Amino acid sequence: MRFGVPELLIVLVIVIVLFGPGRFGKILGELGSGLKSFKDNLGSDKKDEEPKPPTDEAK
């Protein structure tokens, strides 16, 4: 079963009615900052690796 735009809008309206627009915005902001932090931590593994110095074998 696939969800289309009308179904997603209905769910969005129900969530806004339950939580209120202020709290809903706060939840979305926290979700966005959490995802950004998660993506930053995934990329930090590559940053932690030290680059290998070039060797004389390449000449």
Protein backbone atom coordinates (compact mmCIF):
# COMPACT_ATOMS: atom_id res chain seq x y z
CA MET A 1 0.00 0.00 0.00
CA ARG A 2 1.42 3.36 -1.01
CA PHE A 3 0.79 6.71 0.60
CA GLY A 4 -0.01 9.60 -1.69
CA VAL A 5 -0.07 13.33 -1.09
CA PRO A 6 -3.67 13.43 0.24
CA GLU A 7 -2.94 10.78 2.85
CA LEU A 8 0.26 12.53 3.99
CA LEU A 9 -1.62 15.84 4.29
CA ILE A 10 -4.30 14.18 6.43
CA VAL A 11 -1.65 12.72 8.74
CA LEU A 12 0.09 16.12 8.93
CA VAL A 13 -3.16 17.86 9.90
CA ILE A 14 -3.87 15.26 12.58
CA VAL A 15 -0.37 15.65 14.05
CA ILE A 16 -0.68 19.45 14.09
CA VAL A 17 -4.07 19.21 15.83
CA LEU A 18 -2.70 16.80 18.44
CA PHE A 19 0.56 18.59 19.22
CA GLY A 20 -0.18 22.18 18.19
CA PRO A 21 1.81 24.20 15.66
CA GLY A 22 4.41 25.48 18.17
CA ARG A 23 5.31 22.10 19.58
CA PHE A 24 5.22 20.52 16.11
CA GLY A 25 7.80 23.06 14.88
CA LYS A 26 9.99 22.37 17.89
CA ILE A 27 9.83 18.62 17.27
CA LEU A 28 10.80 19.09 13.62
CA GLY A 29 13.70 21.35 14.63
CA GLU A 30 15.01 18.76 17.08
CA LEU A 31 14.63 16.04 14.48
CA GLY A 32 16.58 18.11 11.95
CA SER A 33 19.41 18.85 14.38
CA GLY A 34 19.55 15.17 15.34
CA LEU A 35 19.84 14.11 11.70
CA LYS A 36 22.55 16.72 11.09
CA SER A 37 24.50 15.46 14.10
CA PHE A 38 24.10 11.87 12.90
CA LYS A 39 25.41 12.74 9.42
CA ASP A 40 28.34 14.67 10.92
CA ASN A 41 29.28 11.69 13.08
CA LEU A 42 29.14 9.33 10.10
CA GLY A 43 31.61 11.53 8.24
CA SER A 44 33.90 11.89 11.26
CA ASP A 45 35.26 8.35 10.76
CA LYS A 46 36.88 9.45 7.51
CA LYS A 47 38.26 12.60 9.11
CA ASP A 48 39.88 10.65 11.96
CA GLU A 49 42.00 8.56 9.60
CA GLU A 50 45.49 9.93 9.18
CA PRO A 51 46.67 10.28 5.60
CA LYS A 52 49.51 7.98 4.68
CA PRO A 53 52.77 9.73 3.82
CA PRO A 54 54.01 9.15 0.26
CA THR A 55 56.63 6.48 -0.09
CA ASP A 56 59.71 6.42 -2.30
CA GLU A 57 58.39 3.34 -4.12
CA ALA A 58 56.19 5.51 -6.35
CA LYS A 59 59.25 6.98 -8.13
